[in-house]
Amino acid sequence: MMNGLTIRDAIWPQDEAAALSFIDGSQAFEHAFEPNRRLDARVAAEFLPVLMKAMADHRGIARIAERDGRAIGWVVAWPEDDDLYVVAEERRIVYISELFVAEDARGAGVGRALIGSCEDWARAQGVGVMHIGVLPGNARADAIYRHAGYATYAVRLRKYLR
């Protein structure tokens, strides 16, 4: 526990409303630098079941960050296998699919604590490699991840054919 911060496993359906708000918050935040993000009222309700299925299929985790009984962030991660051309000892990874911290809780180490809880979980699973994605316009997240020891692994380029 850090300054009243608690990281715990998500409890369903108790944490569903918080998860939906985190998905909506992430969409709104990312839309500022990636305009392909949906902002409609249905996106969270449509995405959460997809995310829950991926978590179940991969035996992953969802963790909630709480302060004073209020959910202020979350992380969703699961183990998966990297491509066959990756050496065997680095092929099994844990991928952080979702990470969001409420705006009024940013800058206090909540995101780093959530990432750390996933890293601890991965180690307990015998996995020694983590992956997390970051959009090019998200300089703050990029800096946080790099400070936590993450480095560029691959860059995926896009071209619109309109």
N, C-alpha and C. Protein backbone atom coordinates (compact mmCIF):
# COMPACT_ATOMS: atom_id res chain seq x y z
N MET A 1 0.85 -1.18 0.00
CA MET A 1 0.00 0.00 0.00
C MET A 1 0.89 1.24 0.00
N MET A 2 0.60 2.20 -0.88
CA MET A 2 1.39 3.40 -1.05
C MET A 2 0.47 4.61 -0.90
N ASN A 3 0.70 5.41 0.14
CA ASN A 3 -0.14 6.60 0.35
C ASN A 3 -1.63 6.30 0.25
N GLY A 4 -2.05 5.24 0.92
CA GLY A 4 -3.46 4.86 0.89
C GLY A 4 -3.89 4.16 -0.38
N LEU A 5 -2.94 3.86 -1.27
CA LEU A 5 -3.24 3.18 -2.52
C LEU A 5 -3.25 1.67 -2.29
N THR A 6 -4.27 1.03 -2.81
CA THR A 6 -4.37 -0.43 -2.76
C THR A 6 -4.54 -0.94 -4.18
N ILE A 7 -3.81 -1.98 -4.51
CA ILE A 7 -3.98 -2.67 -5.79
C ILE A 7 -4.57 -4.03 -5.45
N ARG A 8 -5.71 -4.34 -6.09
CA ARG A 8 -6.39 -5.61 -5.80
C ARG A 8 -6.90 -6.21 -7.10
N ASP A 9 -7.17 -7.51 -7.06
CA ASP A 9 -7.80 -8.16 -8.20
C ASP A 9 -9.20 -7.59 -8.40
N ALA A 10 -9.57 -7.42 -9.65
CA ALA A 10 -10.93 -6.96 -9.97
C ALA A 10 -11.92 -8.05 -9.55
N ILE A 11 -13.08 -7.61 -9.11
CA ILE A 11 -14.16 -8.50 -8.72
C ILE A 11 -15.35 -8.22 -9.63
N TRP A 12 -15.82 -9.26 -10.31
CA TRP A 12 -16.93 -9.09 -11.25
C TRP A 12 -18.20 -9.66 -10.65
N PRO A 13 -19.33 -9.00 -10.80
CA PRO A 13 -19.59 -7.78 -11.56
C PRO A 13 -19.40 -6.49 -10.76
N GLN A 14 -18.94 -6.59 -9.53
CA GLN A 14 -18.79 -5.41 -8.67
C GLN A 14 -17.99 -4.29 -9.31
N ASP A 15 -16.95 -4.62 -10.06
CA ASP A 15 -16.07 -3.60 -10.64
C ASP A 15 -16.43 -3.24 -12.08
N GLU A 16 -17.56 -3.73 -12.56
CA GLU A 16 -17.94 -3.48 -13.96
C GLU A 16 -18.12 -1.99 -14.25
N ALA A 17 -18.79 -1.26 -13.38
CA ALA A 17 -19.02 0.17 -13.63
C ALA A 17 -17.69 0.92 -13.70
N ALA A 18 -16.76 0.58 -12.82
CA ALA A 18 -15.44 1.23 -12.86
C ALA A 18 -14.72 0.87 -14.16
N ALA A 19 -14.76 -0.40 -14.55
CA ALA A 19 -14.10 -0.83 -15.78
C ALA A 19 -14.67 -0.09 -16.99
N LEU A 20 -15.98 0.03 -17.05
CA LEU A 20 -16.61 0.76 -18.15
C LEU A 20 -16.16 2.22 -18.18
N SER A 21 -16.06 2.83 -17.01
CA SER A 21 -15.61 4.23 -16.96
C SER A 21 -14.14 4.34 -17.37
N PHE A 22 -13.33 3.35 -17.03
CA PHE A 22 -11.92 3.38 -17.42
C PHE A 22 -11.77 3.22 -18.93
N ILE A 23 -12.59 2.37 -19.54
CA ILE A 23 -12.54 2.22 -21.00
C ILE A 23 -12.94 3.54 -21.66
N ASP A 24 -14.05 4.13 -21.20
CA ASP A 24 -14.47 5.42 -21.76
C ASP A 24 -13.40 6.49 -21.56
N GLY A 25 -12.79 6.51 -20.38
CA GLY A 25 -11.75 7.49 -20.10
C GLY A 25 -10.54 7.31 -20.99
N SER A 26 -10.16 6.07 -21.21
CA SER A 26 -9.02 5.78 -22.09
C SER A 26 -9.32 6.21 -23.52
N GLN A 27 -10.52 5.92 -23.99
CA GLN A 27 -10.91 6.32 -25.34
C GLN A 27 -10.83 7.85 -25.50
N ALA A 28 -11.38 8.56 -24.53
CA ALA A 28 -11.38 10.03 -24.59
C ALA A 28 -9.95 10.58 -24.54
N PHE A 29 -9.13 10.02 -23.66
CA PHE A 29 -7.75 10.48 -23.52
C PHE A 29 -6.98 10.24 -24.82
N GLU A 30 -7.09 9.03 -25.37
CA GLU A 30 -6.33 8.69 -26.57
C GLU A 30 -6.85 9.41 -27.81
N HIS A 31 -8.12 9.75 -27.82
CA HIS A 31 -8.72 10.43 -28.97
C HIS A 31 -8.01 11.76 -29.26
N ALA A 32 -7.44 12.37 -28.25
CA ALA A 32 -6.75 13.66 -28.43
C ALA A 32 -5.57 13.54 -29.39
N PHE A 33 -4.93 12.38 -29.44
CA PHE A 33 -3.79 12.22 -30.35
C PHE A 33 -3.96 11.06 -31.32
N GLU A 34 -5.06 10.31 -31.21
CA GLU A 34 -5.37 9.24 -32.16
C GLU A 34 -6.86 9.31 -32.47
N PRO A 35 -7.23 10.09 -33.49
CA PRO A 35 -8.65 10.35 -33.76
C PRO A 35 -9.47 9.15 -34.19
N ASN A 36 -8.87 7.98 -34.37
CA ASN A 36 -9.66 6.81 -34.74
C ASN A 36 -10.36 6.18 -33.52
N ARG A 37 -10.14 6.71 -32.33
CA ARG A 37 -10.78 6.17 -31.13
C ARG A 37 -12.25 6.54 -31.09
N ARG A 38 -13.08 5.54 -30.86
CA ARG A 38 -14.53 5.75 -30.76
C ARG A 38 -14.86 6.49 -29.46
N LEU A 39 -15.81 7.40 -29.54
CA LEU A 39 -16.26 8.14 -28.37
C LEU A 39 -17.75 7.95 -28.11
N ASP A 40 -18.37 7.03 -28.85
CA ASP A 40 -19.81 6.83 -28.70
C ASP A 40 -20.14 6.14 -27.37
N ALA A 41 -21.38 6.24 -27.00
CA ALA A 41 -21.84 5.73 -25.70
C ALA A 41 -21.76 4.21 -25.59
N ARG A 42 -21.63 3.49 -26.67
CA ARG A 42 -21.64 2.02 -26.65
C ARG A 42 -20.25 1.38 -26.61
N VAL A 43 -19.21 2.13 -26.85
CA VAL A 43 -17.89 1.52 -27.03
C VAL A 43 -17.46 0.72 -25.80
N ALA A 44 -17.62 1.24 -24.61
CA ALA A 44 -17.18 0.52 -23.41
C ALA A 44 -18.00 -0.75 -23.22
N ALA A 45 -19.31 -0.65 -23.39
CA ALA A 45 -20.19 -1.81 -23.21
C ALA A 45 -19.89 -2.89 -24.24
N GLU A 46 -19.45 -2.51 -25.43
CA GLU A 46 -19.11 -3.48 -26.46
C GLU A 46 -17.71 -4.06 -26.25
N PHE A 47 -16.80 -3.24 -25.76
CA PHE A 47 -15.41 -3.69 -25.62
C PHE A 47 -15.18 -4.53 -24.37
N LEU A 48 -15.86 -4.22 -23.27
CA LEU A 48 -15.60 -4.95 -22.03
C LEU A 48 -15.80 -6.46 -22.18
N PRO A 49 -16.87 -6.95 -22.80
CA PRO A 49 -16.99 -8.41 -22.96
C PRO A 49 -15.88 -9.02 -23.82
N VAL A 50 -15.43 -8.30 -24.82
CA VAL A 50 -14.32 -8.77 -25.65
C VAL A 50 -13.05 -8.89 -24.80
N LEU A 51 -12.82 -7.88 -23.99
CA LEU A 51 -11.66 -7.87 -23.10
C LEU A 51 -11.76 -9.00 -22.07
N MET A 52 -12.94 -9.18 -21.50
CA MET A 52 -13.14 -10.24 -20.50
C MET A 52 -12.90 -11.62 -21.12
N LYS A 53 -13.34 -11.81 -22.36
CA LYS A 53 -13.12 -13.09 -23.03
C LYS A 53 -11.63 -13.32 -23.27
N ALA A 54 -10.93 -12.30 -23.73
CA ALA A 54 -9.48 -12.44 -23.95
C ALA A 54 -8.78 -12.76 -22.63
N MET A 55 -9.20 -12.09 -21.56
CA MET A 55 -8.61 -12.35 -20.25
C MET A 55 -8.85 -13.80 -19.83
N ALA A 56 -10.07 -14.27 -20.02
CA ALA A 56 -10.41 -15.65 -19.65
C ALA A 56 -9.67 -16.66 -20.54
N ASP A 57 -9.66 -16.40 -21.84
CA ASP A 57 -9.00 -17.32 -22.78
C ASP A 57 -7.51 -17.46 -22.48
N HIS A 58 -6.89 -16.38 -22.03
CA HIS A 58 -5.45 -16.39 -21.78
C HIS A 58 -5.10 -16.56 -20.30
N ARG A 59 -6.13 -16.70 -19.47
CA ARG A 59 -5.93 -16.82 -18.01
C ARG A 59 -5.17 -15.61 -17.47
N GLY A 60 -5.69 -14.44 -17.85
CA GLY A 60 -5.06 -13.20 -17.45
C GLY A 60 -5.66 -12.61 -16.18
N ILE A 61 -5.29 -11.37 -15.93
CA ILE A 61 -5.72 -10.69 -14.71
C ILE A 61 -6.24 -9.29 -15.03
N ALA A 62 -7.10 -8.82 -14.17
CA ALA A 62 -7.50 -7.41 -14.14
C ALA A 62 -7.30 -6.97 -12.71
N ARG A 63 -6.62 -5.86 -12.55
CA ARG A 63 -6.36 -5.32 -11.22
C ARG A 63 -6.91 -3.90 -11.15
N ILE A 64 -7.41 -3.56 -9.98
CA ILE A 64 -7.99 -2.25 -9.72
C ILE A 64 -7.11 -1.52 -8.71
N ALA A 65 -6.84 -0.25 -8.98
CA ALA A 65 -6.16 0.62 -8.02
C ALA A 65 -7.25 1.40 -7.29
N GLU A 66 -7.17 1.37 -5.97
CA GLU A 66 -8.15 2.09 -5.14
C GLU A 66 -7.45 3.01 -4.16
N ARG A 67 -8.09 4.13 -3.92
CA ARG A 67 -7.64 5.03 -2.87
C ARG A 67 -8.90 5.47 -2.13
N ASP A 68 -8.89 5.31 -0.81
CA ASP A 68 -10.05 5.66 0.02
C ASP A 68 -11.33 5.02 -0.49
N GLY A 69 -11.23 3.76 -0.93
CA GLY A 69 -12.41 3.01 -1.37
C GLY A 69 -12.90 3.35 -2.77
N ARG A 70 -12.22 4.24 -3.45
CA ARG A 70 -12.62 4.67 -4.81
C ARG A 70 -11.67 4.07 -5.84
N ALA A 71 -12.24 3.43 -6.86
CA ALA A 71 -11.43 2.88 -7.94
C ALA A 71 -10.89 4.05 -8.77
N ILE A 72 -9.56 4.12 -8.89
CA ILE A 72 -8.93 5.24 -9.60
C ILE A 72 -8.11 4.79 -10.81
N GLY A 73 -8.04 3.49 -11.05
CA GLY A 73 -7.31 3.01 -12.20
C GLY A 73 -7.40 1.50 -12.31
N TRP A 74 -6.94 1.02 -13.45
CA TRP A 74 -6.92 -0.43 -13.64
C TRP A 74 -5.86 -0.83 -14.62
N VAL A 75 -5.58 -2.12 -14.63
CA VAL A 75 -4.67 -2.73 -15.58
C VAL A 75 -5.24 -4.10 -15.93
N VAL A 76 -5.10 -4.48 -17.19
CA VAL A 76 -5.51 -5.80 -17.67
C VAL A 76 -4.32 -6.39 -18.40
N ALA A 77 -3.98 -7.62 -18.06
CA ALA A 77 -2.81 -8.26 -18.67
C ALA A 77 -3.04 -9.75 -18.79
N TRP A 78 -2.33 -10.35 -19.73
CA TRP A 78 -2.41 -11.81 -19.87
C TRP A 78 -1.15 -12.35 -20.51
N PRO A 79 -0.88 -13.63 -20.22
CA PRO A 79 0.26 -14.28 -20.87
C PRO A 79 -0.13 -14.70 -22.29
N GLU A 80 0.84 -14.65 -23.15
CA GLU A 80 0.65 -15.14 -24.52
C GLU A 80 2.01 -15.51 -25.08
N ASP A 81 1.97 -16.19 -26.20
CA ASP A 81 3.21 -16.59 -26.85
C ASP A 81 3.54 -15.61 -27.96
N ASP A 82 4.79 -15.15 -27.96
CA ASP A 82 5.28 -14.31 -29.04
C ASP A 82 5.49 -15.21 -30.26
N ASP A 83 5.92 -14.64 -31.35
CA ASP A 83 6.09 -15.38 -32.59
C ASP A 83 7.13 -16.49 -32.46
N LEU A 84 6.95 -17.51 -33.27
CA LEU A 84 7.80 -18.69 -33.24
C LEU A 84 9.27 -18.37 -33.53
N TYR A 85 9.53 -17.30 -34.24
CA TYR A 85 10.92 -16.95 -34.55
C TYR A 85 11.66 -16.33 -33.36
N VAL A 86 10.96 -16.06 -32.25
CA VAL A 86 11.59 -15.54 -31.03
C VAL A 86 12.18 -16.73 -30.28
N VAL A 87 13.38 -16.56 -29.70
CA VAL A 87 14.01 -17.65 -28.97
C VAL A 87 13.08 -18.16 -27.87
N ALA A 88 13.12 -19.44 -27.63
CA ALA A 88 12.17 -20.10 -26.73
C ALA A 88 12.11 -19.46 -25.35
N GLU A 89 13.26 -19.09 -24.80
CA GLU A 89 13.28 -18.55 -23.43
C GLU A 89 12.66 -17.15 -23.32
N GLU A 90 12.41 -16.50 -24.45
CA GLU A 90 11.76 -15.19 -24.44
C GLU A 90 10.41 -15.19 -25.14
N ARG A 91 9.97 -16.35 -25.56
CA ARG A 91 8.73 -16.42 -26.34
C ARG A 91 7.49 -16.20 -25.49
N ARG A 92 7.48 -16.71 -24.26
CA ARG A 92 6.31 -16.53 -23.39
C ARG A 92 6.41 -15.13 -22.78
N ILE A 93 5.38 -14.33 -22.98
CA ILE A 93 5.37 -12.96 -22.48
C ILE A 93 4.09 -12.71 -21.69
N VAL A 94 4.07 -11.63 -20.95
CA VAL A 94 2.82 -11.10 -20.41
C VAL A 94 2.61 -9.75 -21.08
N TYR A 95 1.44 -9.61 -21.68
CA TYR A 95 1.08 -8.41 -22.41
C TYR A 95 0.11 -7.57 -21.59
N ILE A 96 0.45 -6.33 -21.36
CA ILE A 96 -0.46 -5.40 -20.69
C ILE A 96 -1.34 -4.79 -21.77
N SER A 97 -2.59 -5.19 -21.77
CA SER A 97 -3.54 -4.76 -22.79
C SER A 97 -4.16 -3.42 -22.46
N GLU A 98 -4.48 -3.20 -21.21
CA GLU A 98 -5.16 -1.98 -20.78
C GLU A 98 -4.48 -1.42 -19.55
N LEU A 99 -4.31 -0.11 -19.53
CA LEU A 99 -3.81 0.59 -18.35
C LEU A 99 -4.43 1.97 -18.38
N PHE A 100 -5.11 2.31 -17.30
CA PHE A 100 -5.74 3.62 -17.23
C PHE A 100 -5.74 4.09 -15.79
N VAL A 101 -5.46 5.38 -15.61
CA VAL A 101 -5.52 6.02 -14.30
C VAL A 101 -6.39 7.27 -14.45
N ALA A 102 -7.33 7.44 -13.53
CA ALA A 102 -8.21 8.60 -13.57
C ALA A 102 -7.38 9.88 -13.55
N GLU A 103 -7.87 10.89 -14.25
CA GLU A 103 -7.11 12.13 -14.41
C GLU A 103 -6.68 12.75 -13.08
N ASP A 104 -7.56 12.74 -12.10
CA ASP A 104 -7.23 13.37 -10.82
C ASP A 104 -6.28 12.54 -9.97
N ALA A 105 -5.91 11.35 -10.44
CA ALA A 105 -4.98 10.49 -9.70
C ALA A 105 -3.64 10.33 -10.42
N ARG A 106 -3.49 10.97 -11.57
CA ARG A 106 -2.25 10.84 -12.34
C ARG A 106 -1.11 11.59 -11.67
N GLY A 107 0.09 11.10 -11.90
CA GLY A 107 1.29 11.75 -11.38
C GLY A 107 1.64 11.33 -9.97
N ALA A 108 0.91 10.36 -9.41
CA ALA A 108 1.16 9.93 -8.03
C ALA A 108 1.69 8.51 -7.96
N GLY A 109 2.10 7.94 -9.09
CA GLY A 109 2.68 6.60 -9.09
C GLY A 109 1.67 5.47 -9.21
N VAL A 110 0.41 5.79 -9.50
CA VAL A 110 -0.63 4.76 -9.60
C VAL A 110 -0.36 3.85 -10.80
N GLY A 111 -0.07 4.44 -11.95
CA GLY A 111 0.22 3.63 -13.13
C GLY A 111 1.41 2.73 -12.92
N ARG A 112 2.45 3.27 -12.31
CA ARG A 112 3.65 2.46 -12.05
C ARG A 112 3.33 1.32 -11.08
N ALA A 113 2.49 1.58 -10.09
CA ALA A 113 2.10 0.53 -9.15
C ALA A 113 1.29 -0.56 -9.85
N LEU A 114 0.42 -0.16 -10.76
CA LEU A 114 -0.36 -1.15 -11.52
C LEU A 114 0.55 -2.00 -12.41
N ILE A 115 1.49 -1.35 -13.09
CA ILE A 115 2.45 -2.09 -13.91
C ILE A 115 3.26 -3.04 -13.04
N GLY A 116 3.72 -2.54 -11.90
CA GLY A 116 4.50 -3.37 -10.99
C GLY A 116 3.74 -4.60 -10.51
N SER A 117 2.43 -4.44 -10.30
CA SER A 117 1.64 -5.60 -9.86
C SER A 117 1.57 -6.65 -10.97
N CYS A 118 1.54 -6.20 -12.22
CA CYS A 118 1.55 -7.15 -13.35
C CYS A 118 2.91 -7.83 -13.48
N GLU A 119 3.96 -7.06 -13.28
CA GLU A 119 5.30 -7.64 -13.34
C GLU A 119 5.49 -8.70 -12.25
N ASP A 120 5.01 -8.40 -11.05
CA ASP A 120 5.09 -9.39 -9.96
C ASP A 120 4.30 -10.64 -10.30
N TRP A 121 3.11 -10.45 -10.87
CA TRP A 121 2.28 -11.58 -11.27
C TRP A 121 2.97 -12.40 -12.35
N ALA A 122 3.57 -11.72 -13.33
CA ALA A 122 4.27 -12.42 -14.41
C ALA A 122 5.42 -13.26 -13.86
N ARG A 123 6.20 -12.67 -12.95
CA ARG A 123 7.30 -13.43 -12.34
C ARG A 123 6.77 -14.67 -11.63
N ALA A 124 5.67 -14.53 -10.92
CA ALA A 124 5.07 -15.67 -10.20
C ALA A 124 4.60 -16.75 -11.17
N GLN A 125 4.29 -16.37 -12.42
CA GLN A 125 3.88 -17.31 -13.46
C GLN A 125 5.09 -17.91 -14.17
N GLY A 126 6.29 -17.46 -13.80
CA GLY A 126 7.50 -17.94 -14.45
C GLY A 126 7.78 -17.25 -15.77
N VAL A 127 7.16 -16.10 -16.00
CA VAL A 127 7.35 -15.35 -17.25
C VAL A 127 8.33 -14.22 -16.99
N GLY A 128 9.29 -14.05 -17.88
CA GLY A 128 10.33 -13.06 -17.67
C GLY A 128 10.33 -11.90 -18.65
N VAL A 129 9.31 -11.80 -19.50
CA VAL A 129 9.27 -10.73 -20.50
C VAL A 129 7.88 -10.10 -20.47
N MET A 130 7.86 -8.77 -20.45
CA MET A 130 6.60 -8.02 -20.47
C MET A 130 6.54 -7.21 -21.76
N HIS A 131 5.33 -7.02 -22.28
CA HIS A 131 5.09 -6.13 -23.41
C HIS A 131 3.97 -5.17 -23.04
N ILE A 132 4.08 -3.94 -23.51
CA ILE A 132 3.02 -2.94 -23.37
C ILE A 132 3.09 -2.05 -24.59
N GLY A 133 1.94 -1.62 -25.06
CA GLY A 133 1.91 -0.74 -26.22
C GLY A 133 1.71 0.71 -25.80
N VAL A 134 2.16 1.60 -26.66
CA VAL A 134 1.96 3.03 -26.42
C VAL A 134 1.79 3.72 -27.77
N LEU A 135 0.80 4.58 -27.85
CA LEU A 135 0.58 5.34 -29.07
C LEU A 135 1.65 6.43 -29.20
N PRO A 136 2.07 6.75 -30.42
CA PRO A 136 3.13 7.74 -30.61
C PRO A 136 2.85 9.10 -29.96
N GLY A 137 1.62 9.53 -29.92
CA GLY A 137 1.30 10.83 -29.34
C GLY A 137 1.20 10.84 -27.83
N ASN A 138 1.33 9.69 -27.20
CA ASN A 138 1.18 9.61 -25.75
C ASN A 138 2.55 9.70 -25.07
N ALA A 139 3.11 10.88 -25.12
CA ALA A 139 4.47 11.10 -24.61
C ALA A 139 4.58 10.81 -23.12
N ARG A 140 3.55 11.15 -22.37
CA ARG A 140 3.60 10.92 -20.92
C ARG A 140 3.69 9.43 -20.60
N ALA A 141 2.82 8.62 -21.22
CA ALA A 141 2.86 7.18 -20.99
C ALA A 141 4.19 6.60 -21.46
N ASP A 142 4.65 7.05 -22.63
CA ASP A 142 5.93 6.57 -23.15
C ASP A 142 7.04 6.83 -22.14
N ALA A 143 7.08 8.03 -21.56
CA ALA A 143 8.12 8.36 -20.57
C ALA A 143 7.99 7.49 -19.32
N ILE A 144 6.77 7.27 -18.86
CA ILE A 144 6.55 6.43 -17.67
C ILE A 144 7.02 5.01 -17.93
N TYR A 145 6.65 4.46 -19.08
CA TYR A 145 7.04 3.09 -19.39
C TYR A 145 8.56 2.97 -19.52
N ARG A 146 9.18 3.93 -20.16
CA ARG A 146 10.64 3.88 -20.31
C ARG A 146 11.33 4.01 -18.95
N HIS A 147 10.79 4.86 -18.08
CA HIS A 147 11.34 5.01 -16.74
C HIS A 147 11.21 3.70 -15.95
N ALA A 148 10.19 2.93 -16.26
CA ALA A 148 9.96 1.64 -15.61
C ALA A 148 10.81 0.53 -16.23
N GLY A 149 11.62 0.86 -17.24
CA GLY A 149 12.53 -0.12 -17.81
C GLY A 149 12.10 -0.69 -19.15
N TYR A 150 11.00 -0.22 -19.70
CA TYR A 150 10.54 -0.71 -21.00
C TYR A 150 11.28 0.03 -22.11
N ALA A 151 11.53 -0.68 -23.21
CA ALA A 151 12.23 -0.09 -24.36
C ALA A 151 11.50 -0.47 -25.63
N THR A 152 11.73 0.29 -26.67
CA THR A 152 11.10 0.00 -27.96
C THR A 152 11.48 -1.41 -28.40
N TYR A 153 10.48 -2.17 -28.77
CA TYR A 153 10.69 -3.54 -29.25
C TYR A 153 10.41 -3.61 -30.75
N ALA A 154 9.31 -3.04 -31.16
CA ALA A 154 8.92 -3.04 -32.57
C ALA A 154 8.12 -1.77 -32.82
N VAL A 155 8.16 -1.32 -34.03
CA VAL A 155 7.36 -0.16 -34.42
C VAL A 155 6.45 -0.61 -35.55
N ARG A 156 5.17 -0.37 -35.39
CA ARG A 156 4.19 -0.75 -36.40
C ARG A 156 3.76 0.52 -37.12
N LEU A 157 3.93 0.54 -38.44
CA LEU A 157 3.61 1.71 -39.23
C LEU A 157 2.23 1.55 -39.89
N ARG A 158 1.60 2.69 -40.19
CA ARG A 158 0.26 2.68 -40.79
C ARG A 158 0.23 3.64 -41.95
N LYS A 159 -0.58 3.27 -42.94
CA LYS A 159 -0.80 4.13 -44.09
C LYS A 159 -2.29 4.04 -44.43
N TYR A 160 -2.95 5.20 -44.54
CA TYR A 160 -4.34 5.24 -44.95
C TYR A 160 -4.41 5.19 -46.47
N LEU A 161 -5.29 4.37 -47.00
CA LEU A 161 -5.45 4.22 -48.44
C LEU A 161 -6.76 4.81 -48.92
N ARG A 162 -7.06 5.98 -48.46
CA ARG A 162 -8.32 6.63 -48.83
C ARG A 162 -8.13 7.54 -50.01
